[in-house]
Amino acid sequence: MSIRKIFLALAITGTLLSAPNSSDAQGGAQGLLAKVKGLKCTFPLMAVGTWGSEQPKAEIKPANLVLQFEAINTDEGTAELKGNYGKYDIIVRYAQGYLHFIQSLLDGPLYVTTILEKKTAGGKLKAMYSKHEFTDVSLPGFTSSPEQYYGECEIVN
């Protein structure tokens, strides 16, 4: 066997060994958030988007938003969002260190919360929450333009 064939065989073997395992791609490798049952998230900062007369623009504002997720079941893709007016069933997806909560409202808006398996300086998990919503009239206390919140979550199993 020539040296060239030996190097080729080693290169192919190394590539195969470093490729992700197919069970990992299907959720076999699970991190901290894969089996979590409850989370409490706080968001102290938000960005509000609007369309100006010429171009879109965003404004950064302080926020005081708290979201509580309960009965999280990543195997079934379900969870409950505990709100001021009750509990809401939502969709959950876990993939490669990302835990997504998806709430599609009957009247059109879409809300998405993503929690990362990456810690903040305070030791909690980094999180973002987005509201995809728009109305022509702005009312104080109601979402009328797209919003994205930035914060952190703690596990409350």
C-alpha atoms as a PDB file:
ATOM      1  CA  MET A   1       0.000   0.000   0.000  1.00  0.00           C
ATOM      2  CA  SER A   2       1.377   3.386  -0.940  1.00  0.00           C
ATOM      3  CA  ILE A   3       1.903   6.237   1.495  1.00  0.00           C
ATOM      4  CA  ARG A   4      -0.679   8.240  -0.432  1.00  0.00           C
ATOM      5  CA  LYS A   5      -3.361   5.563   0.158  1.00  0.00           C
ATOM      6  CA  ILE A   6      -2.480   5.382   3.860  1.00  0.00           C
ATOM      7  CA  PHE A   7      -2.908   9.164   4.269  1.00  0.00           C
ATOM      8  CA  LEU A   8      -6.196   9.015   2.338  1.00  0.00           C
ATOM      9  CA  ALA A   9      -7.475   6.205   4.596  1.00  0.00           C
ATOM     10  CA  LEU A  10      -6.449   8.158   7.723  1.00  0.00           C
ATOM     11  CA  ALA A  11      -8.146  11.307   6.423  1.00  0.00           C
ATOM     12  CA  ILE A  12     -11.398   9.451   5.712  1.00  0.00           C
ATOM     13  CA  THR A  13     -11.312   7.717   9.109  1.00  0.00           C
ATOM     14  CA  GLY A  14     -10.686  11.037  10.892  1.00  0.00           C
ATOM     15  CA  THR A  15     -13.560  12.688   9.034  1.00  0.00           C
ATOM     16  CA  LEU A  16     -15.959   9.872   9.898  1.00  0.00           C
ATOM     17  CA  LEU A  17     -14.955   9.892  13.557  1.00  0.00           C
ATOM     18  CA  SER A  18     -15.367  13.669  13.864  1.00  0.00           C
ATOM     19  CA  ALA A  19     -18.769  13.753  12.108  1.00  0.00           C
ATOM     20  CA  PRO A  20     -21.777  14.101  14.430  1.00  0.00           C
ATOM     21  CA  ASN A  21     -23.413  10.870  15.472  1.00  0.00           C
ATOM     22  CA  SER A  22     -26.844  10.387  13.867  1.00  0.00           C
ATOM     23  CA  SER A  23     -28.406   9.849  17.298  1.00  0.00           C
ATOM     24  CA  ASP A  24     -27.110  13.305  18.311  1.00  0.00           C
ATOM     25  CA  ALA A  25     -28.842  14.850  15.304  1.00  0.00           C
ATOM     26  CA  GLN A  26     -32.135  13.306  16.439  1.00  0.00           C
ATOM     27  CA  GLY A  27     -31.835  14.660  19.968  1.00  0.00           C
ATOM     28  CA  GLY A  28     -29.673  11.918  21.463  1.00  0.00           C
ATOM     29  CA  ALA A  29     -27.235  14.451  22.933  1.00  0.00           C
ATOM     30  CA  GLN A  30     -29.276  16.442  25.419  1.00  0.00           C
ATOM     31  CA  GLY A  31     -28.178  19.334  27.519  1.00  0.00           C
ATOM     32  CA  LEU A  32     -29.374  21.050  30.650  1.00  0.00           C
ATOM     33  CA  LEU A  33     -32.636  22.346  29.118  1.00  0.00           C
ATOM     34  CA  ALA A  34     -33.728  19.068  27.490  1.00  0.00           C
ATOM     35  CA  LYS A  35     -35.494  17.799  30.629  1.00  0.00           C
ATOM     36  CA  VAL A  36     -36.293  21.018  32.489  1.00  0.00           C
ATOM     37  CA  LYS A  37     -39.862  21.207  33.898  1.00  0.00           C
ATOM     38  CA  GLY A  38     -40.125  24.850  34.957  1.00  0.00           C
ATOM     39  CA  LEU A  39     -38.455  28.200  34.226  1.00  0.00           C
ATOM     40  CA  LYS A  40     -38.875  31.740  35.488  1.00  0.00           C
ATOM     41  CA  CYS A  41     -37.610  34.414  33.110  1.00  0.00           C
ATOM     42  CA  THR A  42     -37.053  38.116  33.719  1.00  0.00           C
ATOM     43  CA  PHE A  43     -36.490  40.662  30.964  1.00  0.00           C
ATOM     44  CA  PRO A  44     -35.183  44.099  32.026  1.00  0.00           C
ATOM     45  CA  LEU A  45     -34.486  45.462  28.514  1.00  0.00           C
ATOM     46  CA  MET A  46     -36.477  45.668  25.287  1.00  0.00           C
ATOM     47  CA  ALA A  47     -36.253  46.991  21.748  1.00  0.00           C
ATOM     48  CA  VAL A  48     -39.384  48.282  20.012  1.00  0.00           C
ATOM     49  CA  GLY A  49     -39.420  48.411  16.237  1.00  0.00           C
ATOM     50  CA  THR A  50     -41.443  50.804  14.108  1.00  0.00           C
ATOM     51  CA  TRP A  51     -41.596  51.905  10.518  1.00  0.00           C
ATOM     52  CA  GLY A  52     -40.759  55.569  10.160  1.00  0.00           C
ATOM     53  CA  SER A  53     -41.670  57.644   7.136  1.00  0.00           C
ATOM     54  CA  GLU A  54     -38.581  56.401   5.276  1.00  0.00           C
ATOM     55  CA  GLN A  55     -36.951  53.429   7.036  1.00  0.00           C
ATOM     56  CA  PRO A  56     -37.546  51.031   9.916  1.00  0.00           C
ATOM     57  CA  LYS A  57     -36.143  52.097  13.276  1.00  0.00           C
ATOM     58  CA  ALA A  58     -35.813  50.656  16.781  1.00  0.00           C
ATOM     59  CA  GLU A  59     -35.866  52.184  20.229  1.00  0.00           C
ATOM     60  CA  ILE A  60     -34.248  50.606  23.307  1.00  0.00           C
ATOM     61  CA  LYS A  61     -36.277  50.868  26.525  1.00  0.00           C
ATOM     62  CA  PRO A  62     -36.190  49.454  30.034  1.00  0.00           C
ATOM     63  CA  ALA A  63     -38.689  46.655  30.678  1.00  0.00           C
ATOM     64  CA  ASN A  64     -40.118  44.783  33.615  1.00  0.00           C
ATOM     65  CA  LEU A  65     -41.414  41.558  32.091  1.00  0.00           C
ATOM     66  CA  VAL A  66     -41.584  38.217  33.921  1.00  0.00           C
ATOM     67  CA  LEU A  67     -42.594  34.959  32.196  1.00  0.00           C
ATOM     68  CA  GLN A  68     -43.153  31.689  34.049  1.00  0.00           C
ATOM     69  CA  PHE A  69     -43.105  28.411  32.092  1.00  0.00           C
ATOM     70  CA  GLU A  70     -44.503  25.285  33.767  1.00  0.00           C
ATOM     71  CA  ALA A  71     -45.243  21.645  32.871  1.00  0.00           C
ATOM     72  CA  ILE A  72     -42.500  21.732  30.219  1.00  0.00           C
ATOM     73  CA  ASN A  73     -42.315  18.453  28.296  1.00  0.00           C
ATOM     74  CA  THR A  74     -39.746  18.578  25.485  1.00  0.00           C
ATOM     75  CA  ASP A  75     -40.538  14.987  24.449  1.00  0.00           C
ATOM     76  CA  GLU A  76     -44.181  15.881  23.736  1.00  0.00           C
ATOM     77  CA  GLY A  77     -43.472  19.483  22.688  1.00  0.00           C
ATOM     78  CA  THR A  78     -45.812  21.044  25.244  1.00  0.00           C
ATOM     79  CA  ALA A  79     -45.666  23.590  28.056  1.00  0.00           C
ATOM     80  CA  GLU A  80     -47.809  26.074  29.946  1.00  0.00           C
ATOM     81  CA  LEU A  81     -47.169  29.789  30.152  1.00  0.00           C
ATOM     82  CA  LYS A  82     -48.423  31.168  33.453  1.00  0.00           C
ATOM     83  CA  GLY A  83     -49.759  34.663  32.904  1.00  0.00           C
ATOM     84  CA  ASN A  84     -51.649  37.343  34.808  1.00  0.00           C
ATOM     85  CA  TYR A  85     -54.951  36.017  33.461  1.00  0.00           C
ATOM     86  CA  GLY A  86     -54.407  32.259  33.622  1.00  0.00           C
ATOM     87  CA  LYS A  87     -52.362  29.568  31.920  1.00  0.00           C
ATOM     88  CA  TYR A  88     -51.810  29.204  28.198  1.00  0.00           C
ATOM     89  CA  ASP A  89     -50.820  26.037  26.329  1.00  0.00           C
ATOM     90  CA  ILE A  90     -47.813  26.600  24.084  1.00  0.00           C
ATOM     91  CA  ILE A  91     -45.487  24.647  21.822  1.00  0.00           C
ATOM     92  CA  VAL A  92     -41.977  23.727  22.981  1.00  0.00           C
ATOM     93  CA  ARG A  93     -38.938  22.630  20.962  1.00  0.00           C
ATOM     94  CA  TYR A  94     -35.476  21.710  22.250  1.00  0.00           C
ATOM     95  CA  ALA A  95     -32.537  21.508  19.833  1.00  0.00           C
ATOM     96  CA  GLN A  96     -28.770  21.645  20.392  1.00  0.00           C
ATOM     97  CA  GLY A  97     -28.774  23.902  23.467  1.00  0.00           C
ATOM     98  CA  TYR A  98     -31.765  26.037  22.440  1.00  0.00           C
ATOM     99  CA  LEU A  99     -35.161  25.762  24.149  1.00  0.00           C
ATOM    100  CA  HIS A 100     -37.914  27.486  22.140  1.00  0.00           C
ATOM    101  CA  PHE A 101     -41.412  28.340  23.358  1.00  0.00           C
ATOM    102  CA  ILE A 102     -43.812  29.221  20.535  1.00  0.00           C
ATOM    103  CA  GLN A 103     -47.174  30.874  21.086  1.00  0.00           C
ATOM    104  CA  SER A 104     -49.284  31.506  17.995  1.00  0.00           C
ATOM    105  CA  LEU A 105     -52.327  33.570  18.960  1.00  0.00           C
ATOM    106  CA  LEU A 106     -55.693  33.055  17.274  1.00  0.00           C
ATOM    107  CA  ASP A 107     -55.936  36.720  16.253  1.00  0.00           C
ATOM    108  CA  GLY A 108     -52.608  36.680  14.383  1.00  0.00           C
ATOM    109  CA  PRO A 109     -49.603  37.609  16.561  1.00  0.00           C
ATOM    110  CA  LEU A 110     -46.720  35.226  17.186  1.00  0.00           C
ATOM    111  CA  TYR A 111     -44.674  35.236  20.412  1.00  0.00           C
ATOM    112  CA  VAL A 112     -41.398  33.326  20.699  1.00  0.00           C
ATOM    113  CA  THR A 113     -39.160  32.821  23.736  1.00  0.00           C
ATOM    114  CA  THR A 114     -35.713  31.260  23.338  1.00  0.00           C
ATOM    115  CA  ILE A 115     -33.555  30.176  26.260  1.00  0.00           C
ATOM    116  CA  LEU A 116     -29.903  29.323  25.671  1.00  0.00           C
ATOM    117  CA  GLU A 117     -27.702  26.878  27.528  1.00  0.00           C
ATOM    118  CA  LYS A 118     -25.284  29.758  28.019  1.00  0.00           C
ATOM    119  CA  LYS A 119     -24.978  31.463  31.379  1.00  0.00           C
ATOM    120  CA  THR A 120     -25.130  35.164  32.182  1.00  0.00           C
ATOM    121  CA  ALA A 121     -22.603  36.825  34.502  1.00  0.00           C
ATOM    122  CA  GLY A 122     -25.064  36.114  37.341  1.00  0.00           C
ATOM    123  CA  GLY A 123     -25.144  32.375  36.565  1.00  0.00           C
ATOM    124  CA  LYS A 124     -28.647  32.270  35.048  1.00  0.00           C
ATOM    125  CA  LEU A 125     -29.455  31.299  31.450  1.00  0.00           C
ATOM    126  CA  LYS A 126     -29.491  33.851  28.630  1.00  0.00           C
ATOM    127  CA  ALA A 127     -32.928  34.424  27.100  1.00  0.00           C
ATOM    128  CA  MET A 128     -34.786  36.468  24.520  1.00  0.00           C
ATOM    129  CA  TYR A 129     -38.509  36.999  23.931  1.00  0.00           C
ATOM    130  CA  SER A 130     -40.019  38.371  20.724  1.00  0.00           C
ATOM    131  CA  LYS A 131     -43.494  39.660  19.958  1.00  0.00           C
ATOM    132  CA  HIS A 132     -44.348  39.676  16.256  1.00  0.00           C
ATOM    133  CA  GLU A 133     -47.332  41.980  16.281  1.00  0.00           C
ATOM    134  CA  PHE A 134     -48.455  45.197  14.608  1.00  0.00           C
ATOM    135  CA  THR A 135     -51.464  47.490  14.746  1.00  0.00           C
ATOM    136  CA  ASP A 136     -51.999  50.838  13.039  1.00  0.00           C
ATOM    137  CA  VAL A 137     -53.079  52.463  16.303  1.00  0.00           C
ATOM    138  CA  SER A 138     -50.804  52.572  19.338  1.00  0.00           C
ATOM    139  CA  LEU A 139     -52.476  52.143  22.735  1.00  0.00           C
ATOM    140  CA  PRO A 140     -50.507  52.548  25.987  1.00  0.00           C
ATOM    141  CA  GLY A 141     -50.021  49.216  27.745  1.00  0.00           C
ATOM    142  CA  PHE A 142     -50.669  47.138  24.601  1.00  0.00           C
ATOM    143  CA  THR A 143     -48.254  45.784  21.998  1.00  0.00           C
ATOM    144  CA  SER A 144     -48.689  47.636  18.716  1.00  0.00           C
ATOM    145  CA  SER A 145     -45.248  47.210  17.132  1.00  0.00           C
ATOM    146  CA  PRO A 146     -42.683  44.374  17.064  1.00  0.00           C
ATOM    147  CA  GLU A 147     -40.816  43.976  20.349  1.00  0.00           C
ATOM    148  CA  GLN A 148     -37.797  41.980  21.462  1.00  0.00           C
ATOM    149  CA  TYR A 149     -36.863  41.543  25.115  1.00  0.00           C
ATOM    150  CA  TYR A 150     -33.473  40.543  26.548  1.00  0.00           C
ATOM    151  CA  GLY A 151     -32.954  38.861  29.893  1.00  0.00           C
ATOM    152  CA  GLU A 152     -32.279  35.654  31.795  1.00  0.00           C
ATOM    153  CA  CYS A 153     -34.055  32.570  33.140  1.00  0.00           C
ATOM    154  CA  GLU A 154     -33.658  30.344  36.149  1.00  0.00           C
ATOM    155  CA  ILE A 155     -34.702  26.715  36.460  1.00  0.00           C
ATOM    156  CA  VAL A 156     -37.530  26.264  39.002  1.00  0.00           C
ATOM    157  CA  ASN A 157     -38.228  22.513  38.766  1.00  0.00           C
END
